[in-house]
Amino acid sequence: MIQFTAKGHKNILSTHKNTLEFTHEDYLTLNGDCIIGINANYELDKIKQQKFKRVKITITIDNIKDEIIADCNPEFSNPHEMVIRKSNYLDQRTFAINADKSAKDIKRELVKKMQNSDAELAITLEHIGM
């Protein structure tokens, strides 16, 4: 299991229908409608060591929790952007594909809290059965 955090931002929209993303960047424009957390502090080396196949991504803020199930991309290699996709499109930014949720599917009360720059989202990555 891996845990990391991401910060909120006033421009978090979480409206993209195919992807969601965590970024290490410390800013966000309104064009980033798939981003649900900035200043993400995941460590690529730790993620690569886990050799995830199928993963449950749990995102939590205060008492609000949401989960995404997806298939991991063994070629994920971006230290700055972690993209989770409903599709099966692969590139080095893609952490996981065939996800059961995208940004628009995330609980709206969670998104609302993430629109505050003081907000901190806790993210957990866990192996699940094949």
C-alpha atoms as a PDB file:
ATOM      1  CA  MET A   1       0.000   0.000   0.000  1.00  0.00           C
ATOM      2  CA  ILE A   2       1.172   3.527  -0.810  1.00  0.00           C
ATOM      3  CA  GLN A   3      -0.150   6.751   0.653  1.00  0.00           C
ATOM      4  CA  PHE A   4       0.368  10.332  -0.478  1.00  0.00           C
ATOM      5  CA  THR A   5      -1.405  13.675  -0.321  1.00  0.00           C
ATOM      6  CA  ALA A   6      -2.505  16.397  -2.712  1.00  0.00           C
ATOM      7  CA  LYS A   7      -3.639  19.955  -2.043  1.00  0.00           C
ATOM      8  CA  GLY A   8      -6.775  21.782  -3.073  1.00  0.00           C
ATOM      9  CA  HIS A   9      -7.086  24.775  -5.408  1.00  0.00           C
ATOM     10  CA  LYS A  10      -9.879  27.216  -6.272  1.00  0.00           C
ATOM     11  CA  ASN A  11      -9.793  26.080  -9.945  1.00  0.00           C
ATOM     12  CA  ILE A  12     -10.504  22.404  -9.281  1.00  0.00           C
ATOM     13  CA  LEU A  13     -13.501  21.559 -11.455  1.00  0.00           C
ATOM     14  CA  SER A  14     -13.323  17.763 -11.657  1.00  0.00           C
ATOM     15  CA  THR A  15     -15.566  17.630 -14.726  1.00  0.00           C
ATOM     16  CA  HIS A  16     -13.553  15.591 -17.237  1.00  0.00           C
ATOM     17  CA  LYS A  17     -15.499  12.553 -18.450  1.00  0.00           C
ATOM     18  CA  ASN A  18     -12.567  10.252 -19.272  1.00  0.00           C
ATOM     19  CA  THR A  19      -9.678  10.977 -16.898  1.00  0.00           C
ATOM     20  CA  LEU A  20      -8.647  12.214 -13.495  1.00  0.00           C
ATOM     21  CA  GLU A  21      -5.234  13.426 -12.453  1.00  0.00           C
ATOM     22  CA  PHE A  22      -3.003  14.250  -9.516  1.00  0.00           C
ATOM     23  CA  THR A  23      -0.163  16.654 -10.299  1.00  0.00           C
ATOM     24  CA  HIS A  24       3.007  17.813  -8.566  1.00  0.00           C
ATOM     25  CA  GLU A  25       2.400  21.305  -9.998  1.00  0.00           C
ATOM     26  CA  ASP A  26       1.518  24.008  -7.489  1.00  0.00           C
ATOM     27  CA  TYR A  27      -1.000  25.825  -9.699  1.00  0.00           C
ATOM     28  CA  LEU A  28      -4.035  24.983 -11.800  1.00  0.00           C
ATOM     29  CA  THR A  29      -5.840  26.744 -14.636  1.00  0.00           C
ATOM     30  CA  LEU A  30      -9.475  26.172 -15.504  1.00  0.00           C
ATOM     31  CA  ASN A  31      -8.284  24.078 -18.486  1.00  0.00           C
ATOM     32  CA  GLY A  32      -7.176  21.334 -16.065  1.00  0.00           C
ATOM     33  CA  ASP A  33     -10.683  19.970 -15.591  1.00  0.00           C
ATOM     34  CA  CYS A  34      -9.429  16.445 -14.868  1.00  0.00           C
ATOM     35  CA  ILE A  35      -7.159  17.472 -11.976  1.00  0.00           C
ATOM     36  CA  ILE A  36      -8.491  16.741  -8.510  1.00  0.00           C
ATOM     37  CA  GLY A  37      -5.362  17.602  -6.519  1.00  0.00           C
ATOM     38  CA  ILE A  38      -2.199  19.686  -6.921  1.00  0.00           C
ATOM     39  CA  ASN A  39       1.116  19.530  -5.044  1.00  0.00           C
ATOM     40  CA  ALA A  40       0.773  15.741  -5.023  1.00  0.00           C
ATOM     41  CA  ASN A  41       3.693  14.207  -3.168  1.00  0.00           C
ATOM     42  CA  TYR A  42       3.701  10.700  -4.637  1.00  0.00           C
ATOM     43  CA  GLU A  43       7.118   9.172  -5.224  1.00  0.00           C
ATOM     44  CA  LEU A  44       7.507   7.444  -8.571  1.00  0.00           C
ATOM     45  CA  ASP A  45      10.195   5.045  -7.290  1.00  0.00           C
ATOM     46  CA  LYS A  46       7.951   3.764  -4.498  1.00  0.00           C
ATOM     47  CA  ILE A  47       5.069   3.232  -6.903  1.00  0.00           C
ATOM     48  CA  LYS A  48       7.288   1.372  -9.389  1.00  0.00           C
ATOM     49  CA  GLN A  49       8.551  -0.927  -6.601  1.00  0.00           C
ATOM     50  CA  GLN A  50       4.991  -2.060  -5.829  1.00  0.00           C
ATOM     51  CA  LYS A  51       4.398  -3.509  -9.305  1.00  0.00           C
ATOM     52  CA  PHE A  52       0.672  -2.863  -9.019  1.00  0.00           C
ATOM     53  CA  LYS A  53      -1.550  -4.807 -11.440  1.00  0.00           C
ATOM     54  CA  ARG A  54      -5.086  -3.954 -10.333  1.00  0.00           C
ATOM     55  CA  VAL A  55      -5.460  -1.132  -7.854  1.00  0.00           C
ATOM     56  CA  LYS A  56      -8.005   0.503  -5.583  1.00  0.00           C
ATOM     57  CA  ILE A  57      -7.387   4.241  -5.352  1.00  0.00           C
ATOM     58  CA  THR A  58      -9.038   5.677  -2.251  1.00  0.00           C
ATOM     59  CA  ILE A  59      -9.312   9.441  -1.943  1.00  0.00           C
ATOM     60  CA  THR A  60     -10.372  10.960   1.369  1.00  0.00           C
ATOM     61  CA  ILE A  61     -10.889  14.434   2.775  1.00  0.00           C
ATOM     62  CA  ASP A  62     -12.402  14.930   6.210  1.00  0.00           C
ATOM     63  CA  ASN A  63     -15.013  12.155   6.426  1.00  0.00           C
ATOM     64  CA  ILE A  64     -15.708  12.044   2.685  1.00  0.00           C
ATOM     65  CA  LYS A  65     -14.285   9.073   0.794  1.00  0.00           C
ATOM     66  CA  ASP A  66     -14.423   7.911  -2.810  1.00  0.00           C
ATOM     67  CA  GLU A  67     -12.808   4.922  -4.524  1.00  0.00           C
ATOM     68  CA  ILE A  68     -11.650   4.170  -8.028  1.00  0.00           C
ATOM     69  CA  ILE A  69     -10.809   0.680  -9.321  1.00  0.00           C
ATOM     70  CA  ALA A  70      -8.438   0.432 -12.290  1.00  0.00           C
ATOM     71  CA  ASP A  71      -5.745  -1.606 -14.042  1.00  0.00           C
ATOM     72  CA  CYS A  72      -2.217  -0.285 -13.594  1.00  0.00           C
ATOM     73  CA  ASN A  73       0.129   0.627 -16.408  1.00  0.00           C
ATOM     74  CA  PRO A  74       3.531  -1.039 -15.790  1.00  0.00           C
ATOM     75  CA  GLU A  75       5.116   1.620 -18.034  1.00  0.00           C
ATOM     76  CA  PHE A  76       3.954   4.542 -15.858  1.00  0.00           C
ATOM     77  CA  SER A  77       7.036   6.726 -15.498  1.00  0.00           C
ATOM     78  CA  ASN A  78       6.022  10.348 -14.944  1.00  0.00           C
ATOM     79  CA  PRO A  79       7.305  11.849 -11.687  1.00  0.00           C
ATOM     80  CA  HIS A  80       5.030  14.911 -12.020  1.00  0.00           C
ATOM     81  CA  GLU A  81       1.626  13.778 -13.348  1.00  0.00           C
ATOM     82  CA  MET A  82      -0.445  10.717 -12.441  1.00  0.00           C
ATOM     83  CA  VAL A  83      -3.354  10.178 -14.842  1.00  0.00           C
ATOM     84  CA  ILE A  84      -6.100   7.607 -14.313  1.00  0.00           C
ATOM     85  CA  ARG A  85      -8.176   6.855 -17.429  1.00  0.00           C
ATOM     86  CA  LYS A  86     -11.507   5.187 -18.160  1.00  0.00           C
ATOM     87  CA  SER A  87     -10.098   4.256 -21.569  1.00  0.00           C
ATOM     88  CA  ASN A  88      -7.188   1.916 -22.313  1.00  0.00           C
ATOM     89  CA  TYR A  89      -4.932   4.669 -23.714  1.00  0.00           C
ATOM     90  CA  LEU A  90      -1.369   4.296 -22.471  1.00  0.00           C
ATOM     91  CA  ASP A  91       1.475   6.770 -22.245  1.00  0.00           C
ATOM     92  CA  GLN A  92       4.154   7.506 -19.644  1.00  0.00           C
ATOM     93  CA  ARG A  93       1.729   9.798 -17.710  1.00  0.00           C
ATOM     94  CA  THR A  94      -0.898   7.046 -17.414  1.00  0.00           C
ATOM     95  CA  PHE A  95      -0.847   5.393 -13.997  1.00  0.00           C
ATOM     96  CA  ALA A  96      -3.984   3.311 -14.605  1.00  0.00           C
ATOM     97  CA  ILE A  97      -6.538   2.445 -17.300  1.00  0.00           C
ATOM     98  CA  ASN A  98     -10.036   0.941 -17.488  1.00  0.00           C
ATOM     99  CA  ALA A  99     -10.995   2.933 -14.400  1.00  0.00           C
ATOM    100  CA  ASP A 100     -14.549   2.753 -13.126  1.00  0.00           C
ATOM    101  CA  LYS A 101     -14.590   6.538 -12.496  1.00  0.00           C
ATOM    102  CA  SER A 102     -13.232   9.734 -13.988  1.00  0.00           C
ATOM    103  CA  ALA A 103     -13.044  13.246 -12.530  1.00  0.00           C
ATOM    104  CA  LYS A 104     -16.732  13.946 -13.233  1.00  0.00           C
ATOM    105  CA  ASP A 105     -17.731  10.830 -11.241  1.00  0.00           C
ATOM    106  CA  ILE A 106     -15.990  11.878  -8.024  1.00  0.00           C
ATOM    107  CA  LYS A 107     -18.358  12.770  -5.173  1.00  0.00           C
ATOM    108  CA  ARG A 108     -19.290  16.431  -5.525  1.00  0.00           C
ATOM    109  CA  GLU A 109     -18.942  17.137  -1.793  1.00  0.00           C
ATOM    110  CA  LEU A 110     -15.318  15.958  -2.020  1.00  0.00           C
ATOM    111  CA  VAL A 111     -14.705  18.179  -5.066  1.00  0.00           C
ATOM    112  CA  LYS A 112     -16.261  21.167  -3.271  1.00  0.00           C
ATOM    113  CA  LYS A 113     -13.852  20.744  -0.350  1.00  0.00           C
ATOM    114  CA  MET A 114     -10.915  20.460  -2.768  1.00  0.00           C
ATOM    115  CA  GLN A 115     -11.755  23.918  -4.163  1.00  0.00           C
ATOM    116  CA  ASN A 116     -10.233  25.365  -0.991  1.00  0.00           C
ATOM    117  CA  SER A 117      -6.468  25.932  -1.193  1.00  0.00           C
ATOM    118  CA  ASP A 118      -6.102  24.814   2.453  1.00  0.00           C
ATOM    119  CA  ALA A 119      -7.663  21.430   1.699  1.00  0.00           C
ATOM    120  CA  GLU A 120      -5.564  18.274   1.771  1.00  0.00           C
ATOM    121  CA  LEU A 121      -6.647  15.086   0.058  1.00  0.00           C
ATOM    122  CA  ALA A 122      -5.298  11.748   1.306  1.00  0.00           C
ATOM    123  CA  ILE A 123      -4.738   9.179  -1.448  1.00  0.00           C
ATOM    124  CA  THR A 124      -4.135   5.468  -0.877  1.00  0.00           C
ATOM    125  CA  LEU A 125      -3.099   2.965  -3.558  1.00  0.00           C
ATOM    126  CA  GLU A 126      -3.825  -0.682  -2.692  1.00  0.00           C
ATOM    127  CA  HIS A 127      -3.345  -3.949  -4.581  1.00  0.00           C
ATOM    128  CA  ILE A 128      -6.588  -5.779  -5.230  1.00  0.00           C
ATOM    129  CA  GLY A 129      -7.283  -9.162  -6.778  1.00  0.00           C
ATOM    130  CA  MET A 130      -6.486  -9.785 -10.420  1.00  0.00           C
END
